[in-house]
Amino acid sequence: MSFININLAMTTGGNGYKTDAYINGKEAKEVKRLKGIPAHFRGQCYQPKSKGSKQIYCI
């Protein structure tokens, strides 16, 4: 069993609200919805910014 630590923080900037995301302590970026996710899923998908990271987490 493995645990994934995802931290989201809302910050305000010059152009409104922005979500800062960190996955296991590494900065992540918001990515588009993946194909195959059920239509009723209303969450967001994030991917670590580090090079070579292909794993995407949808929460």
PDB file of N, CA and C in Angstrom:
ATOM      1  N   MET A   1       0.845  -1.177   0.000  1.00  0.00           N
ATOM      2  CA  MET A   1       0.000   0.000   0.000  1.00  0.00           C
ATOM      3  C   MET A   1       0.891   1.240   0.000  1.00  0.00           C
ATOM      4  N   SER A   2       0.589   2.169  -0.883  1.00  0.00           N
ATOM      5  CA  SER A   2       1.373   3.401  -0.927  1.00  0.00           C
ATOM      6  C   SER A   2       0.447   4.593  -0.747  1.00  0.00           C
ATOM      7  N   PHE A   3       0.996   5.632  -0.166  1.00  0.00           N
ATOM      8  CA  PHE A   3       0.226   6.846   0.081  1.00  0.00           C
ATOM      9  C   PHE A   3       0.757   7.967  -0.792  1.00  0.00           C
ATOM     10  N   ILE A   4      -0.153   8.782  -1.277  1.00  0.00           N
ATOM     11  CA  ILE A   4       0.209   9.941  -2.091  1.00  0.00           C
ATOM     12  C   ILE A   4      -0.239  11.172  -1.331  1.00  0.00           C
ATOM     13  N   ASN A   5       0.675  12.092  -1.132  1.00  0.00           N
ATOM     14  CA  ASN A   5       0.375  13.327  -0.420  1.00  0.00           C
ATOM     15  C   ASN A   5       0.166  14.435  -1.445  1.00  0.00           C
ATOM     16  N   ILE A   6      -1.069  14.932  -1.529  1.00  0.00           N
ATOM     17  CA  ILE A   6      -1.388  16.014  -2.463  1.00  0.00           C
ATOM     18  C   ILE A   6      -1.817  17.229  -1.653  1.00  0.00           C
ATOM     19  N   ASN A   7      -1.129  18.356  -1.843  1.00  0.00           N
ATOM     20  CA  ASN A   7      -1.453  19.603  -1.155  1.00  0.00           C
ATOM     21  C   ASN A   7      -1.904  20.633  -2.184  1.00  0.00           C
ATOM     22  N   LEU A   8      -3.058  21.231  -1.923  1.00  0.00           N
ATOM     23  CA  LEU A   8      -3.555  22.300  -2.784  1.00  0.00           C
ATOM     24  C   LEU A   8      -3.670  23.568  -1.952  1.00  0.00           C
ATOM     25  N   ALA A   9      -3.249  24.681  -2.523  1.00  0.00           N
ATOM     26  CA  ALA A   9      -3.340  25.965  -1.819  1.00  0.00           C
ATOM     27  C   ALA A   9      -3.879  27.001  -2.794  1.00  0.00           C
ATOM     28  N   MET A  10      -4.897  27.722  -2.357  1.00  0.00           N
ATOM     29  CA  MET A  10      -5.446  28.800  -3.183  1.00  0.00           C
ATOM     30  C   MET A  10      -4.699  30.087  -2.848  1.00  0.00           C
ATOM     31  N   THR A  11      -4.193  30.729  -3.876  1.00  0.00           N
ATOM     32  CA  THR A  11      -3.511  32.008  -3.674  1.00  0.00           C
ATOM     33  C   THR A  11      -4.149  33.043  -4.596  1.00  0.00           C
ATOM     34  N   THR A  12      -4.051  34.285  -4.209  1.00  0.00           N
ATOM     35  CA  THR A  12      -4.573  35.352  -5.058  1.00  0.00           C
ATOM     36  C   THR A  12      -3.411  36.059  -5.729  1.00  0.00           C
ATOM     37  N   GLY A  13      -3.586  36.305  -6.992  1.00  0.00           N
ATOM     38  CA  GLY A  13      -2.554  37.013  -7.748  1.00  0.00           C
ATOM     39  C   GLY A  13      -3.172  38.189  -8.462  1.00  0.00           C
ATOM     40  N   GLY A  14      -2.434  38.766  -9.383  1.00  0.00           N
ATOM     41  CA  GLY A  14      -2.924  39.911 -10.122  1.00  0.00           C
ATOM     42  C   GLY A  14      -4.119  39.586 -11.000  1.00  0.00           C
ATOM     43  N   ASN A  15      -4.235  38.320 -11.396  1.00  0.00           N
ATOM     44  CA  ASN A  15      -5.339  37.946 -12.292  1.00  0.00           C
ATOM     45  C   ASN A  15      -6.314  36.995 -11.602  1.00  0.00           C
ATOM     46  N   GLY A  16      -6.543  37.169 -10.326  1.00  0.00           N
ATOM     47  CA  GLY A  16      -7.536  36.369  -9.615  1.00  0.00           C
ATOM     48  C   GLY A  16      -6.919  35.221  -8.839  1.00  0.00           C
ATOM     49  N   TYR A  17      -7.726  34.211  -8.600  1.00  0.00           N
ATOM     50  CA  TYR A  17      -7.288  33.080  -7.799  1.00  0.00           C
ATOM     51  C   TYR A  17      -6.472  32.094  -8.612  1.00  0.00           C
ATOM     52  N   LYS A  18      -5.533  31.484  -7.946  1.00  0.00           N
ATOM     53  CA  LYS A  18      -4.675  30.493  -8.584  1.00  0.00           C
ATOM     54  C   LYS A  18      -4.512  29.344  -7.604  1.00  0.00           C
ATOM     55  N   THR A  19      -4.499  28.123  -8.105  1.00  0.00           N
ATOM     56  CA  THR A  19      -4.305  26.961  -7.249  1.00  0.00           C
ATOM     57  C   THR A  19      -2.867  26.485  -7.386  1.00  0.00           C
ATOM     58  N   ASP A  20      -2.152  26.458  -6.283  1.00  0.00           N
ATOM     59  CA  ASP A  20      -0.813  25.871  -6.264  1.00  0.00           C
ATOM     60  C   ASP A  20      -0.958  24.438  -5.799  1.00  0.00           C
ATOM     61  N   ALA A  21      -0.379  23.507  -6.535  1.00  0.00           N
ATOM     62  CA  ALA A  21      -0.515  22.096  -6.203  1.00  0.00           C
ATOM     63  C   ALA A  21       0.858  21.472  -5.999  1.00  0.00           C
ATOM     64  N   TYR A  22       0.951  20.627  -5.001  1.00  0.00           N
ATOM     65  CA  TYR A  22       2.179  19.884  -4.730  1.00  0.00           C
ATOM     66  C   TYR A  22       1.824  18.421  -4.528  1.00  0.00           C
ATOM     67  N   ILE A  23       2.518  17.525  -5.216  1.00  0.00           N
ATOM     68  CA  ILE A  23       2.296  16.089  -5.078  1.00  0.00           C
ATOM     69  C   ILE A  23       3.564  15.490  -4.488  1.00  0.00           C
ATOM     70  N   ASN A  24       3.426  14.898  -3.313  1.00  0.00           N
ATOM     71  CA  ASN A  24       4.579  14.348  -2.587  1.00  0.00           C
ATOM     72  C   ASN A  24       5.700  15.381  -2.452  1.00  0.00           C
ATOM     73  N   GLY A  25       5.306  16.629  -2.183  1.00  0.00           N
ATOM     74  CA  GLY A  25       6.280  17.688  -1.944  1.00  0.00           C
ATOM     75  C   GLY A  25       6.863  18.328  -3.190  1.00  0.00           C
ATOM     76  N   LYS A  26       6.497  17.845  -4.382  1.00  0.00           N
ATOM     77  CA  LYS A  26       7.016  18.412  -5.627  1.00  0.00           C
ATOM     78  C   LYS A  26       5.917  19.228  -6.300  1.00  0.00           C
ATOM     79  N   GLU A  27       6.317  20.365  -6.868  1.00  0.00           N
ATOM     80  CA  GLU A  27       5.338  21.244  -7.497  1.00  0.00           C
ATOM     81  C   GLU A  27       4.664  20.536  -8.674  1.00  0.00           C
ATOM     82  N   ALA A  28       3.355  20.747  -8.795  1.00  0.00           N
ATOM     83  CA  ALA A  28       2.587  20.115  -9.869  1.00  0.00           C
ATOM     84  C   ALA A  28       1.827  21.176 -10.637  1.00  0.00           C
ATOM     85  N   LYS A  29       1.373  20.798 -11.825  1.00  0.00           N
ATOM     86  CA  LYS A  29       0.596  21.714 -12.654  1.00  0.00           C
ATOM     87  C   LYS A  29      -0.750  21.071 -12.964  1.00  0.00           C
ATOM     88  N   GLU A  30      -1.747  21.920 -13.198  1.00  0.00           N
ATOM     89  CA  GLU A  30      -3.063  21.411 -13.564  1.00  0.00           C
ATOM     90  C   GLU A  30      -3.037  21.013 -15.032  1.00  0.00           C
ATOM     91  N   VAL A  31      -3.613  19.873 -15.343  1.00  0.00           N
ATOM     92  CA  VAL A  31      -3.649  19.404 -16.727  1.00  0.00           C
ATOM     93  C   VAL A  31      -5.109  19.165 -17.132  1.00  0.00           C
ATOM     94  N   LYS A  32      -5.315  19.019 -18.424  1.00  0.00           N
ATOM     95  CA  LYS A  32      -6.668  18.806 -18.940  1.00  0.00           C
ATOM     96  C   LYS A  32      -7.197  17.457 -18.474  1.00  0.00           C
ATOM     97  N   ARG A  33      -8.509  17.336 -18.493  1.00  0.00           N
ATOM     98  CA  ARG A  33      -9.146  16.069 -18.131  1.00  0.00           C
ATOM     99  C   ARG A  33      -8.643  14.954 -19.043  1.00  0.00           C
ATOM    100  N   LEU A  34      -8.520  13.789 -18.481  1.00  0.00           N
ATOM    101  CA  LEU A  34      -8.100  12.633 -19.262  1.00  0.00           C
ATOM    102  C   LEU A  34      -9.307  11.992 -19.932  1.00  0.00           C
ATOM    103  N   LYS A  35      -9.092  11.436 -21.093  1.00  0.00           N
ATOM    104  CA  LYS A  35     -10.169  10.696 -21.748  1.00  0.00           C
ATOM    105  C   LYS A  35     -10.464   9.456 -20.924  1.00  0.00           C
ATOM    106  N   GLY A  36     -11.720   9.093 -20.870  1.00  0.00           N
ATOM    107  CA  GLY A  36     -12.094   7.894 -20.135  1.00  0.00           C
ATOM    108  C   GLY A  36     -12.552   8.156 -18.713  1.00  0.00           C
ATOM    109  N   ILE A  37     -12.390   9.389 -18.241  1.00  0.00           N
ATOM    110  CA  ILE A  37     -12.890   9.725 -16.902  1.00  0.00           C
ATOM    111  C   ILE A  37     -14.403   9.912 -17.010  1.00  0.00           C
ATOM    112  N   PRO A  38     -15.165   9.329 -16.099  1.00  0.00           N
ATOM    113  CA  PRO A  38     -16.627   9.478 -16.171  1.00  0.00           C
ATOM    114  C   PRO A  38     -17.053  10.943 -16.182  1.00  0.00           C
ATOM    115  N   ALA A  39     -18.124  11.234 -16.915  1.00  0.00           N
ATOM    116  CA  ALA A  39     -18.592  12.613 -17.070  1.00  0.00           C
ATOM    117  C   ALA A  39     -19.001  13.239 -15.741  1.00  0.00           C
ATOM    118  N   HIS A  40     -19.433  12.428 -14.784  1.00  0.00           N
ATOM    119  CA  HIS A  40     -19.890  12.990 -13.507  1.00  0.00           C
ATOM    120  C   HIS A  40     -18.727  13.394 -12.600  1.00  0.00           C
ATOM    121  N   PHE A  41     -17.487  13.054 -12.977  1.00  0.00           N
ATOM    122  CA  PHE A  41     -16.331  13.448 -12.164  1.00  0.00           C
ATOM    123  C   PHE A  41     -16.095  14.946 -12.353  1.00  0.00           C
ATOM    124  N   ARG A  42     -16.114  15.697 -11.257  1.00  0.00           N
ATOM    125  CA  ARG A  42     -15.986  17.151 -11.343  1.00  0.00           C
ATOM    126  C   ARG A  42     -14.658  17.658 -10.795  1.00  0.00           C
ATOM    127  N   GLY A  43     -13.737  16.778 -10.506  1.00  0.00           N
ATOM    128  CA  GLY A  43     -12.462  17.184  -9.925  1.00  0.00           C
ATOM    129  C   GLY A  43     -11.489  17.732 -10.952  1.00  0.00           C
ATOM    130  N   GLN A  44     -10.266  17.910 -10.520  1.00  0.00           N
ATOM    131  CA  GLN A  44      -9.204  18.417 -11.379  1.00  0.00           C
ATOM    132  C   GLN A  44      -8.097  17.376 -11.468  1.00  0.00           C
ATOM    133  N   CYS A  45      -7.320  17.454 -12.529  1.00  0.00           N
ATOM    134  CA  CYS A  45      -6.195  16.543 -12.710  1.00  0.00           C
ATOM    135  C   CYS A  45      -4.884  17.328 -12.624  1.00  0.00           C
ATOM    136  N   TYR A  46      -3.910  16.733 -11.953  1.00  0.00           N
ATOM    137  CA  TYR A  46      -2.614  17.383 -11.751  1.00  0.00           C
ATOM    138  C   TYR A  46      -1.494  16.427 -12.116  1.00  0.00           C
ATOM    139  N   GLN A  47      -0.396  17.005 -12.608  1.00  0.00           N
ATOM    140  CA  GLN A  47       0.782  16.223 -12.970  1.00  0.00           C
ATOM    141  C   GLN A  47       2.009  16.916 -12.392  1.00  0.00           C
ATOM    142  N   PRO A  48       2.927  16.173 -11.756  1.00  0.00           N
ATOM    143  CA  PRO A  48       4.156  16.792 -11.254  1.00  0.00           C
ATOM    144  C   PRO A  48       4.908  17.495 -12.378  1.00  0.00           C
ATOM    145  N   LYS A  49       5.520  18.645 -12.059  1.00  0.00           N
ATOM    146  CA  LYS A  49       6.237  19.422 -13.079  1.00  0.00           C
ATOM    147  C   LYS A  49       7.602  18.835 -13.419  1.00  0.00           C
ATOM    148  N   SER A  50       8.114  17.927 -12.593  1.00  0.00           N
ATOM    149  CA  SER A  50       9.454  17.405 -12.829  1.00  0.00           C
ATOM    150  C   SER A  50       9.523  16.668 -14.162  1.00  0.00           C
ATOM    151  N   LYS A  51      10.666  16.782 -14.823  1.00  0.00           N
ATOM    152  CA  LYS A  51      10.839  16.173 -16.150  1.00  0.00           C
ATOM    153  C   LYS A  51      10.716  14.654 -16.059  1.00  0.00           C
ATOM    154  N   GLY A  52      10.086  14.086 -17.054  1.00  0.00           N
ATOM    155  CA  GLY A  52       9.943  12.637 -17.104  1.00  0.00           C
ATOM    156  C   GLY A  52       8.790  12.095 -16.290  1.00  0.00           C
ATOM    157  N   SER A  53       8.042  12.969 -15.640  1.00  0.00           N
ATOM    158  CA  SER A  53       6.921  12.502 -14.831  1.00  0.00           C
ATOM    159  C   SER A  53       5.686  12.383 -15.710  1.00  0.00           C
ATOM    160  N   LYS A  54       5.206  11.140 -15.870  1.00  0.00           N
ATOM    161  CA  LYS A  54       4.045  10.911 -16.714  1.00  0.00           C
ATOM    162  C   LYS A  54       2.797  10.603 -15.890  1.00  0.00           C
ATOM    163  N   GLN A  55       2.954  10.402 -14.602  1.00  0.00           N
ATOM    164  CA  GLN A  55       1.813  10.065 -13.747  1.00  0.00           C
ATOM    165  C   GLN A  55       0.928  11.288 -13.562  1.00  0.00           C
ATOM    166  N   ILE A  56      -0.381  11.090 -13.712  1.00  0.00           N
ATOM    167  CA  ILE A  56      -1.359  12.164 -13.506  1.00  0.00           C
ATOM    168  C   ILE A  56      -2.314  11.726 -12.413  1.00  0.00           C
ATOM    169  N   TYR A  57      -2.625  12.661 -11.504  1.00  0.00           N
ATOM    170  CA  TYR A  57      -3.522  12.376 -10.386  1.00  0.00           C
ATOM    171  C   TYR A  57      -4.766  13.233 -10.534  1.00  0.00           C
ATOM    172  N   CYS A  58      -5.915  12.603 -10.447  1.00  0.00           N
ATOM    173  CA  CYS A  58      -7.184  13.338 -10.545  1.00  0.00           C
ATOM    174  C   CYS A  58      -7.884  13.265  -9.195  1.00  0.00           C
ATOM    175  N   ILE A  59      -8.211  14.423  -8.647  1.00  0.00           N
ATOM    176  CA  ILE A  59      -8.835  14.469  -7.322  1.00  0.00           C
ATOM    177  C   ILE A  59     -10.075  15.351  -7.378  1.00  0.00           C
TER     178      ILE A  59
END
